[in-house]
């Protein structure tokens, strides 16, 4: 039985495995988890690993706040992605969301998320970093697979690192796909895995995927994340290397992903500004 005296932590859950891993870990740490799950995004199995769940549609800010207040939540995290295509078809904004949108002059990811966090904090709900209690999931620096990148691949990593930084400053996405120091794909609304497949097909074989934290990004929102799905997308199109920012990106289901990368000869490396140049 859960400890009824334990502190609640709120979970605003999008898609992917990250919300489930966060909830499982939070309960191991002694928290009770109140999840507000986005319909059409969050995994239904989340219901099995939280203490209470509230399903809402994207844009129902008033219901989100009411759910957390009902459960006595004073701190929360935002974990998991939201398919940006749903912003065009799946959003059902309530009056409070519409008022928030009117106050945000630039509709970029970070601007919207900061405005949402500010709205929640005005209600006494502090938004924590999405890696709260999850230090062991962060990507570490260095080669993580049996195979290391070649010299040519390191040149593509260095080039891709600079390009991903430029794309991130424009708040377009976190990932680029390159080959022979040519950008063949940039992540946009389709997400990382689809950008990888698109870029890998254009590059044919040997593409290098670089994913990094956006220079102006708030650590509370949308940290770069990789997992087995990313490796599968790379294997499907013959991509050769995945470079991910160390210390500021999350590695989900690491053992499964590394085993899949080793089985297909994909090199995975954690990089920083200091080690990216060879």
C-alpha atoms as a PDB file:
ATOM      1  CA  UNK A   1       0.000   0.000   0.000  1.00  0.00           C
ATOM      2  CA  UNK A   2       1.296   3.519  -0.776  1.00  0.00           C
ATOM      3  CA  UNK A   3       2.232   5.756   2.142  1.00  0.00           C
ATOM      4  CA  UNK A   4      -0.782   8.037   2.561  1.00  0.00           C
ATOM      5  CA  UNK A   5       1.406  10.579   4.378  1.00  0.00           C
ATOM      6  CA  UNK A   6       3.967  10.769   1.568  1.00  0.00           C
ATOM      7  CA  UNK A   7       4.402  13.985  -0.378  1.00  0.00           C
ATOM      8  CA  UNK A   8       2.694  14.257  -3.748  1.00  0.00           C
ATOM      9  CA  UNK A   9       4.568  15.100  -6.919  1.00  0.00           C
ATOM     10  CA  UNK A  10       2.728  16.040 -10.080  1.00  0.00           C
ATOM     11  CA  UNK A  11       3.537  14.594 -13.479  1.00  0.00           C
ATOM     12  CA  UNK A  12       2.396  16.311 -16.672  1.00  0.00           C
ATOM     13  CA  UNK A  13       2.793  13.352 -19.011  1.00  0.00           C
ATOM     14  CA  UNK A  14       3.327  13.444 -22.765  1.00  0.00           C
ATOM     15  CA  UNK A  15       4.328  10.582 -25.022  1.00  0.00           C
ATOM     16  CA  UNK A  16       7.152   8.056 -24.863  1.00  0.00           C
ATOM     17  CA  UNK A  17       8.703   5.986 -22.071  1.00  0.00           C
ATOM     18  CA  UNK A  18      10.062   8.892 -20.034  1.00  0.00           C
ATOM     19  CA  UNK A  19       6.821   9.535 -18.034  1.00  0.00           C
ATOM     20  CA  UNK A  20       6.618   5.874 -16.969  1.00  0.00           C
ATOM     21  CA  UNK A  21      10.257   5.792 -15.901  1.00  0.00           C
ATOM     22  CA  UNK A  22       9.849   9.024 -13.981  1.00  0.00           C
ATOM     23  CA  UNK A  23       6.734   7.756 -12.164  1.00  0.00           C
ATOM     24  CA  UNK A  24       8.328   4.437 -11.225  1.00  0.00           C
ATOM     25  CA  UNK A  25      11.410   6.179  -9.869  1.00  0.00           C
ATOM     26  CA  UNK A  26       9.434   8.833  -7.975  1.00  0.00           C
ATOM     27  CA  UNK A  27       7.483   6.123  -6.164  1.00  0.00           C
ATOM     28  CA  UNK A  28      10.719   4.305  -5.302  1.00  0.00           C
ATOM     29  CA  UNK A  29      11.906   7.591  -3.768  1.00  0.00           C
ATOM     30  CA  UNK A  30       8.793   7.673  -1.597  1.00  0.00           C
ATOM     31  CA  UNK A  31       6.581  10.142  -3.464  1.00  0.00           C
ATOM     32  CA  UNK A  32       2.956   9.683  -4.369  1.00  0.00           C
ATOM     33  CA  UNK A  33       2.479  10.499  -8.061  1.00  0.00           C
ATOM     34  CA  UNK A  34      -0.452  12.463  -9.442  1.00  0.00           C
ATOM     35  CA  UNK A  35      -0.343  12.293 -13.232  1.00  0.00           C
ATOM     36  CA  UNK A  36      -2.121  14.640 -15.592  1.00  0.00           C
ATOM     37  CA  UNK A  37      -1.909  12.686 -18.829  1.00  0.00           C
ATOM     38  CA  UNK A  38      -2.420  14.195 -22.272  1.00  0.00           C
ATOM     39  CA  UNK A  39      -5.010  12.183 -24.198  1.00  0.00           C
ATOM     40  CA  UNK A  40      -3.633  10.898 -27.496  1.00  0.00           C
ATOM     41  CA  UNK A  41      -0.065  11.304 -26.225  1.00  0.00           C
ATOM     42  CA  UNK A  42       0.517   9.554 -22.889  1.00  0.00           C
ATOM     43  CA  UNK A  43       0.834   5.762 -22.708  1.00  0.00           C
ATOM     44  CA  UNK A  44      -2.322   4.217 -21.133  1.00  0.00           C
ATOM     45  CA  UNK A  45      -0.082   1.888 -19.088  1.00  0.00           C
ATOM     46  CA  UNK A  46       0.925   4.963 -17.063  1.00  0.00           C
ATOM     47  CA  UNK A  47      -2.219   4.290 -15.016  1.00  0.00           C
ATOM     48  CA  UNK A  48      -0.508   1.227 -13.508  1.00  0.00           C
ATOM     49  CA  UNK A  49       2.538   3.102 -12.137  1.00  0.00           C
ATOM     50  CA  UNK A  50       0.988   6.245 -10.610  1.00  0.00           C
ATOM     51  CA  UNK A  51      -1.202   6.787  -7.545  1.00  0.00           C
ATOM     52  CA  UNK A  52      -3.769   8.902  -9.371  1.00  0.00           C
ATOM     53  CA  UNK A  53      -4.274   9.823 -13.012  1.00  0.00           C
ATOM     54  CA  UNK A  54      -6.315  12.546 -14.682  1.00  0.00           C
ATOM     55  CA  UNK A  55      -6.755  12.429 -18.465  1.00  0.00           C
ATOM     56  CA  UNK A  56      -7.105  15.802 -20.202  1.00  0.00           C
ATOM     57  CA  UNK A  57      -7.052  17.102 -23.748  1.00  0.00           C
ATOM     58  CA  UNK A  58      -4.220  19.328 -24.916  1.00  0.00           C
ATOM     59  CA  UNK A  59      -5.116  22.897 -23.948  1.00  0.00           C
ATOM     60  CA  UNK A  60      -7.267  22.144 -20.884  1.00  0.00           C
ATOM     61  CA  UNK A  61      -5.200  24.224 -18.478  1.00  0.00           C
ATOM     62  CA  UNK A  62      -7.986  24.841 -15.974  1.00  0.00           C
ATOM     63  CA  UNK A  63      -8.571  21.081 -15.570  1.00  0.00           C
ATOM     64  CA  UNK A  64      -4.830  20.505 -15.150  1.00  0.00           C
ATOM     65  CA  UNK A  65      -4.604  23.011 -12.302  1.00  0.00           C
ATOM     66  CA  UNK A  66      -7.798  21.701 -10.684  1.00  0.00           C
ATOM     67  CA  UNK A  67      -6.468  18.111 -10.756  1.00  0.00           C
ATOM     68  CA  UNK A  68      -3.195  19.015  -9.066  1.00  0.00           C
ATOM     69  CA  UNK A  69      -4.897  21.167  -6.427  1.00  0.00           C
ATOM     70  CA  UNK A  70      -7.352  18.361  -5.729  1.00  0.00           C
ATOM     71  CA  UNK A  71      -4.409  16.055  -4.969  1.00  0.00           C
ATOM     72  CA  UNK A  72      -2.444  18.600  -2.949  1.00  0.00           C
ATOM     73  CA  UNK A  73       0.385  18.819  -5.497  1.00  0.00           C
ATOM     74  CA  UNK A  74       2.890  21.615  -4.812  1.00  0.00           C
ATOM     75  CA  UNK A  75       5.661  20.541  -7.194  1.00  0.00           C
ATOM     76  CA  UNK A  76       5.490  18.931 -10.617  1.00  0.00           C
ATOM     77  CA  UNK A  77       7.492  17.995 -13.680  1.00  0.00           C
ATOM     78  CA  UNK A  78       6.714  18.086 -17.393  1.00  0.00           C
ATOM     79  CA  UNK A  79       7.921  14.845 -18.963  1.00  0.00           C
ATOM     80  CA  UNK A  80       7.443  13.322 -22.407  1.00  0.00           C
ATOM     81  CA  UNK A  81       6.910  14.874 -25.798  1.00  0.00           C
ATOM     82  CA  UNK A  82       3.884  16.257 -27.568  1.00  0.00           C
ATOM     83  CA  UNK A  83       3.593  15.697 -31.299  1.00  0.00           C
ATOM     84  CA  UNK A  84       3.641  19.187 -32.728  1.00  0.00           C
ATOM     85  CA  UNK A  85       1.213  18.130 -35.441  1.00  0.00           C
ATOM     86  CA  UNK A  86      -1.384  17.854 -32.642  1.00  0.00           C
ATOM     87  CA  UNK A  87      -1.107  21.610 -32.192  1.00  0.00           C
ATOM     88  CA  UNK A  88      -2.909  21.903 -35.522  1.00  0.00           C
ATOM     89  CA  UNK A  89      -5.587  19.243 -35.005  1.00  0.00           C
ATOM     90  CA  UNK A  90      -5.837  17.976 -31.426  1.00  0.00           C
ATOM     91  CA  UNK A  91      -5.825  21.071 -29.239  1.00  0.00           C
ATOM     92  CA  UNK A  92      -8.973  22.018 -27.289  1.00  0.00           C
ATOM     93  CA  UNK A  93      -8.037  25.243 -25.479  1.00  0.00           C
ATOM     94  CA  UNK A  94     -10.154  26.354 -22.550  1.00  0.00           C
ATOM     95  CA  UNK A  95     -10.605  30.010 -21.616  1.00  0.00           C
ATOM     96  CA  UNK A  96      -7.535  29.999 -19.372  1.00  0.00           C
ATOM     97  CA  UNK A  97      -5.350  28.554 -22.139  1.00  0.00           C
ATOM     98  CA  UNK A  98      -6.670  31.124 -24.601  1.00  0.00           C
ATOM     99  CA  UNK A  99      -5.807  33.924 -22.163  1.00  0.00           C
ATOM    100  CA  UNK A 100      -2.294  32.508 -21.773  1.00  0.00           C
ATOM    101  CA  UNK A 101      -1.835  32.291 -25.551  1.00  0.00           C
ATOM    102  CA  UNK A 102      -2.873  35.914 -25.948  1.00  0.00           C
ATOM    103  CA  UNK A 103      -0.116  36.945 -23.526  1.00  0.00           C
ATOM    104  CA  UNK A 104       2.614  35.049 -25.434  1.00  0.00           C
ATOM    105  CA  UNK A 105       3.756  37.145 -28.373  1.00  0.00           C
ATOM    106  CA  UNK A 106       6.123  34.509 -29.827  1.00  0.00           C
ATOM    107  CA  UNK A 107       4.646  31.005 -30.128  1.00  0.00           C
ATOM    108  CA  UNK A 108       7.921  29.104 -29.812  1.00  0.00           C
ATOM    109  CA  UNK A 109       8.267  25.962 -27.706  1.00  0.00           C
ATOM    110  CA  UNK A 110      10.290  27.525 -24.899  1.00  0.00           C
ATOM    111  CA  UNK A 111       8.133  30.660 -24.728  1.00  0.00           C
ATOM    112  CA  UNK A 112       4.933  28.634 -24.422  1.00  0.00           C
ATOM    113  CA  UNK A 113       6.379  26.239 -21.848  1.00  0.00           C
ATOM    114  CA  UNK A 114       7.784  29.068 -19.714  1.00  0.00           C
ATOM    115  CA  UNK A 115       4.393  30.773 -19.806  1.00  0.00           C
ATOM    116  CA  UNK A 116       2.706  27.532 -18.734  1.00  0.00           C
ATOM    117  CA  UNK A 117       5.218  27.060 -15.906  1.00  0.00           C
ATOM    118  CA  UNK A 118       4.641  30.634 -14.754  1.00  0.00           C
ATOM    119  CA  UNK A 119       0.877  30.054 -14.746  1.00  0.00           C
ATOM    120  CA  UNK A 120       1.256  26.952 -12.585  1.00  0.00           C
ATOM    121  CA  UNK A 121       3.700  28.619 -10.221  1.00  0.00           C
ATOM    122  CA  UNK A 122       1.221  31.475  -9.744  1.00  0.00           C
ATOM    123  CA  UNK A 123      -1.079  28.746  -8.419  1.00  0.00           C
ATOM    124  CA  UNK A 124       1.548  27.492  -5.962  1.00  0.00           C
ATOM    125  CA  UNK A 125       2.756  24.562  -8.103  1.00  0.00           C
ATOM    126  CA  UNK A 126       6.532  24.682  -8.612  1.00  0.00           C
ATOM    127  CA  UNK A 127       7.852  23.189 -11.860  1.00  0.00           C
ATOM    128  CA  UNK A 128      10.986  21.121 -11.267  1.00  0.00           C
ATOM    129  CA  UNK A 129      13.656  20.031 -13.762  1.00  0.00           C
ATOM    130  CA  UNK A 130      12.452  17.026 -15.726  1.00  0.00           C
ATOM    131  CA  UNK A 131      15.457  15.005 -14.499  1.00  0.00           C
ATOM    132  CA  UNK A 132      14.407  15.490 -10.861  1.00  0.00           C
ATOM    133  CA  UNK A 133      15.564  12.324  -9.063  1.00  0.00           C
ATOM    134  CA  UNK A 134      16.819  10.763 -12.314  1.00  0.00           C
ATOM    135  CA  UNK A 135      20.542  11.597 -12.415  1.00  0.00           C
ATOM    136  CA  UNK A 136      21.357   8.031 -13.496  1.00  0.00           C
ATOM    137  CA  UNK A 137      19.487   8.512 -16.786  1.00  0.00           C
ATOM    138  CA  UNK A 138      21.682  11.331 -18.097  1.00  0.00           C
ATOM    139  CA  UNK A 139      24.012  10.569 -21.005  1.00  0.00           C
ATOM    140  CA  UNK A 140      27.656  10.484 -19.957  1.00  0.00           C
ATOM    141  CA  UNK A 141      30.617  11.735 -21.988  1.00  0.00           C
ATOM    142  CA  UNK A 142      32.485   9.334 -24.267  1.00  0.00           C
ATOM    143  CA  UNK A 143      31.762   6.350 -26.497  1.00  0.00           C
ATOM    144  CA  UNK A 144      28.917   4.231 -25.122  1.00  0.00           C
ATOM    145  CA  UNK A 145      28.993   1.374 -27.638  1.00  0.00           C
ATOM    146  CA  UNK A 146      31.615  -1.148 -28.746  1.00  0.00           C
ATOM    147  CA  UNK A 147      32.314   0.829 -31.913  1.00  0.00           C
ATOM    148  CA  UNK A 148      33.771   4.323 -31.789  1.00  0.00           C
ATOM    149  CA  UNK A 149      33.227   6.885 -34.563  1.00  0.00           C
ATOM    150  CA  UNK A 150      35.866   7.024 -37.304  1.00  0.00           C
ATOM    151  CA  UNK A 151      37.881  10.184 -38.032  1.00  0.00           C
ATOM    152  CA  UNK A 152      35.543  11.011 -40.917  1.00  0.00           C
ATOM    153  CA  UNK A 153      32.512  10.479 -38.683  1.00  0.00           C
ATOM    154  CA  UNK A 154      34.040  12.748 -36.014  1.00  0.00           C
ATOM    155  CA  UNK A 155      34.335  15.488 -38.625  1.00  0.00           C
ATOM    156  CA  UNK A 156      30.614  15.051 -39.330  1.00  0.00           C
ATOM    157  CA  UNK A 157      29.870  15.107 -35.586  1.00  0.00           C
ATOM    158  CA  UNK A 158      31.747  18.407 -35.205  1.00  0.00           C
ATOM    159  CA  UNK A 159      29.928  19.904 -38.176  1.00  0.00           C
ATOM    160  CA  UNK A 160      26.562  18.571 -37.010  1.00  0.00           C
ATOM    161  CA  UNK A 161      27.167  19.909 -33.496  1.00  0.00           C
ATOM    162  CA  UNK A 162      27.498  23.447 -34.837  1.00  0.00           C
ATOM    163  CA  UNK A 163      24.498  23.044 -37.124  1.00  0.00           C
ATOM    164  CA  UNK A 164      22.324  21.637 -34.314  1.00  0.00           C
ATOM    165  CA  UNK A 165      23.293  24.609 -32.157  1.00  0.00           C
ATOM    166  CA  UNK A 166      22.227  27.014 -34.901  1.00  0.00           C
ATOM    167  CA  UNK A 167      18.919  25.193 -35.442  1.00  0.00           C
ATOM    168  CA  UNK A 168      18.340  25.139 -31.680  1.00  0.00           C
ATOM    169  CA  UNK A 169      18.875  28.892 -31.366  1.00  0.00           C
ATOM    170  CA  UNK A 170      16.041  29.309 -33.868  1.00  0.00           C
ATOM    171  CA  UNK A 171      13.904  26.962 -31.697  1.00  0.00           C
ATOM    172  CA  UNK A 172      13.209  24.669 -34.654  1.00  0.00           C
ATOM    173  CA  UNK A 173      14.416  21.369 -33.192  1.00  0.00           C
ATOM    174  CA  UNK A 174      17.215  19.572 -31.392  1.00  0.00           C
ATOM    175  CA  UNK A 175      18.485  17.173 -34.046  1.00  0.00           C
ATOM    176  CA  UNK A 176      20.220  17.281 -37.419  1.00  0.00           C
ATOM    177  CA  UNK A 177      21.303  14.504 -39.760  1.00  0.00           C
ATOM    178  CA  UNK A 178      24.510  15.038 -41.738  1.00  0.00           C
ATOM    179  CA  UNK A 179      26.814  13.230 -44.141  1.00  0.00           C
ATOM    180  CA  UNK A 180      30.139  14.441 -45.494  1.00  0.00           C
ATOM    181  CA  UNK A 181      29.529  17.784 -43.731  1.00  0.00           C
ATOM    182  CA  UNK A 182      26.255  18.345 -45.550  1.00  0.00           C
ATOM    183  CA  UNK A 183      22.975  18.723 -43.639  1.00  0.00           C
ATOM    184  CA  UNK A 184      20.500  16.241 -45.095  1.00  0.00           C
ATOM    185  CA  UNK A 185      17.685  16.665 -42.545  1.00  0.00           C
ATOM    186  CA  UNK A 186      16.661  18.984 -39.722  1.00  0.00           C
ATOM    187  CA  UNK A 187      14.185  17.958 -37.049  1.00  0.00           C
ATOM    188  CA  UNK A 188      10.982  19.978 -37.169  1.00  0.00           C
ATOM    189  CA  UNK A 189       7.410  19.073 -36.220  1.00  0.00           C
ATOM    190  CA  UNK A 190       7.829  15.366 -37.087  1.00  0.00           C
ATOM    191  CA  UNK A 191      10.196  14.603 -34.183  1.00  0.00           C
ATOM    192  CA  UNK A 192      13.638  13.022 -33.993  1.00  0.00           C
ATOM    193  CA  UNK A 193      12.923   9.490 -35.201  1.00  0.00           C
ATOM    194  CA  UNK A 194      11.106  10.613 -38.345  1.00  0.00           C
ATOM    195  CA  UNK A 195      13.807  13.197 -39.076  1.00  0.00           C
ATOM    196  CA  UNK A 196      16.395  10.401 -38.758  1.00  0.00           C
ATOM    197  CA  UNK A 197      14.507   8.183 -41.184  1.00  0.00           C
ATOM    198  CA  UNK A 198      14.079  11.012 -43.685  1.00  0.00           C
ATOM    199  CA  UNK A 199      17.723  12.081 -43.474  1.00  0.00           C
ATOM    200  CA  UNK A 200      19.033   8.534 -43.528  1.00  0.00           C
ATOM    201  CA  UNK A 201      17.144   7.741 -46.714  1.00  0.00           C
ATOM    202  CA  UNK A 202      18.554  10.842 -48.398  1.00  0.00           C
ATOM    203  CA  UNK A 203      22.091  10.053 -47.258  1.00  0.00           C
ATOM    204  CA  UNK A 204      21.613   6.396 -48.213  1.00  0.00           C
ATOM    205  CA  UNK A 205      24.223   4.880 -45.854  1.00  0.00           C
ATOM    206  CA  UNK A 206      26.543   6.263 -43.189  1.00  0.00           C
ATOM    207  CA  UNK A 207      24.561   9.252 -41.920  1.00  0.00           C
ATOM    208  CA  UNK A 208      25.547  10.878 -38.619  1.00  0.00           C
ATOM    209  CA  UNK A 209      22.781  11.972 -36.253  1.00  0.00           C
ATOM    210  CA  UNK A 210      23.546  14.792 -33.797  1.00  0.00           C
ATOM    211  CA  UNK A 211      21.129  15.773 -31.056  1.00  0.00           C
ATOM    212  CA  UNK A 212      21.819  18.487 -28.489  1.00  0.00           C
ATOM    213  CA  UNK A 213      20.285  20.763 -25.894  1.00  0.00           C
ATOM    214  CA  UNK A 214      19.123  24.031 -27.440  1.00  0.00           C
ATOM    215  CA  UNK A 215      21.448  26.889 -26.353  1.00  0.00           C
ATOM    216  CA  UNK A 216      18.629  28.887 -24.722  1.00  0.00           C
ATOM    217  CA  UNK A 217      16.677  25.887 -23.459  1.00  0.00           C
ATOM    218  CA  UNK A 218      15.155  25.702 -19.986  1.00  0.00           C
ATOM    219  CA  UNK A 219      16.162  22.441 -18.237  1.00  0.00           C
ATOM    220  CA  UNK A 220      12.602  22.035 -16.969  1.00  0.00           C
ATOM    221  CA  UNK A 221      11.260  21.285 -20.437  1.00  0.00           C
ATOM    222  CA  UNK A 222      11.789  18.840 -23.279  1.00  0.00           C
ATOM    223  CA  UNK A 223      15.343  17.651 -22.602  1.00  0.00           C
ATOM    224  CA  UNK A 224      16.852  15.763 -25.546  1.00  0.00           C
ATOM    225  CA  UNK A 225      16.137  12.054 -25.125  1.00  0.00           C
ATOM    226  CA  UNK A 226      17.187   8.914 -26.958  1.00  0.00           C
ATOM    227  CA  UNK A 227      16.264   5.268 -26.584  1.00  0.00           C
ATOM    228  CA  UNK A 228      15.688   2.039 -28.511  1.00  0.00           C
ATOM    229  CA  UNK A 229      13.271   3.769 -30.899  1.00  0.00           C
ATOM    230  CA  UNK A 230      16.014   6.127 -32.048  1.00  0.00           C
ATOM    231  CA  UNK A 231      18.374   3.208 -32.663  1.00  0.00           C
ATOM    232  CA  UNK A 232      15.691   1.338 -34.608  1.00  0.00           C
ATOM    233  CA  UNK A 233      15.057   4.388 -36.780  1.00  0.00           C
ATOM    234  CA  UNK A 234      18.804   4.634 -37.503  1.00  0.00           C
ATOM    235  CA  UNK A 235      19.100   0.919 -38.295  1.00  0.00           C
ATOM    236  CA  UNK A 236      16.116   1.126 -40.656  1.00  0.00           C
ATOM    237  CA  UNK A 237      17.903   3.658 -42.867  1.00  0.00           C
ATOM    238  CA  UNK A 238      21.556   2.631 -42.419  1.00  0.00           C
ATOM    239  CA  UNK A 239      22.639   5.581 -40.268  1.00  0.00           C
ATOM    240  CA  UNK A 240      26.023   4.998 -38.644  1.00  0.00           C
ATOM    241  CA  UNK A 241      26.534   7.306 -35.652  1.00  0.00           C
ATOM    242  CA  UNK A 242      24.441   8.925 -32.950  1.00  0.00           C
ATOM    243  CA  UNK A 243      26.072  11.835 -31.091  1.00  0.00           C
ATOM    244  CA  UNK A 244      24.058  13.109 -28.121  1.00  0.00           C
ATOM    245  CA  UNK A 245      24.905  15.883 -25.680  1.00  0.00           C
ATOM    246  CA  UNK A 246      26.413  14.495 -22.469  1.00  0.00           C
ATOM    247  CA  UNK A 247      25.067  15.720 -19.138  1.00  0.00           C
ATOM    248  CA  UNK A 248      22.023  17.435 -20.662  1.00  0.00           C
ATOM    249  CA  UNK A 249      20.219  14.594 -22.423  1.00  0.00           C
ATOM    250  CA  UNK A 250      18.359  11.532 -21.181  1.00  0.00           C
ATOM    251  CA  UNK A 251      19.084   7.931 -22.193  1.00  0.00           C
ATOM    252  CA  UNK A 252      15.944   5.787 -21.884  1.00  0.00           C
ATOM    253  CA  UNK A 253      16.119   1.971 -21.698  1.00  0.00           C
ATOM    254  CA  UNK A 254      19.881   2.217 -22.057  1.00  0.00           C
ATOM    255  CA  UNK A 255      20.787  -1.486 -22.001  1.00  0.00           C
ATOM    256  CA  UNK A 256      18.268  -2.358 -24.707  1.00  0.00           C
ATOM    257  CA  UNK A 257      19.346   0.581 -26.882  1.00  0.00           C
ATOM    258  CA  UNK A 258      23.079  -0.135 -26.540  1.00  0.00           C
ATOM    259  CA  UNK A 259      22.557  -3.822 -27.327  1.00  0.00           C
ATOM    260  CA  UNK A 260      20.606  -2.889 -30.458  1.00  0.00           C
ATOM    261  CA  UNK A 261      23.290  -0.412 -31.519  1.00  0.00           C
ATOM    262  CA  UNK A 262      26.066  -2.962 -31.003  1.00  0.00           C
ATOM    263  CA  UNK A 263      24.118  -5.571 -32.975  1.00  0.00           C
ATOM    264  CA  UNK A 264      23.857  -3.230 -35.986  1.00  0.00           C
ATOM    265  CA  UNK A 265      27.303  -1.566 -35.750  1.00  0.00           C
ATOM    266  CA  UNK A 266      25.975   1.851 -34.776  1.00  0.00           C
ATOM    267  CA  UNK A 267      28.310   4.041 -32.708  1.00  0.00           C
ATOM    268  CA  UNK A 268      26.720   6.048 -29.880  1.00  0.00           C
ATOM    269  CA  UNK A 269      28.771   8.792 -28.261  1.00  0.00           C
ATOM    270  CA  UNK A 270      28.119  11.406 -25.585  1.00  0.00           C
ATOM    271  CA  UNK A 271      29.640  14.742 -26.598  1.00  0.00           C
ATOM    272  CA  UNK A 272      30.220  18.197 -25.139  1.00  0.00           C
ATOM    273  CA  UNK A 273      31.711  21.438 -26.421  1.00  0.00           C
ATOM    274  CA  UNK A 274      35.059  20.274 -25.035  1.00  0.00           C
ATOM    275  CA  UNK A 275      35.327  16.826 -26.640  1.00  0.00           C
ATOM    276  CA  UNK A 276      33.475  17.374 -29.919  1.00  0.00           C
ATOM    277  CA  UNK A 277      36.559  18.708 -31.712  1.00  0.00           C
ATOM    278  CA  UNK A 278      39.153  16.008 -32.440  1.00  0.00           C
END
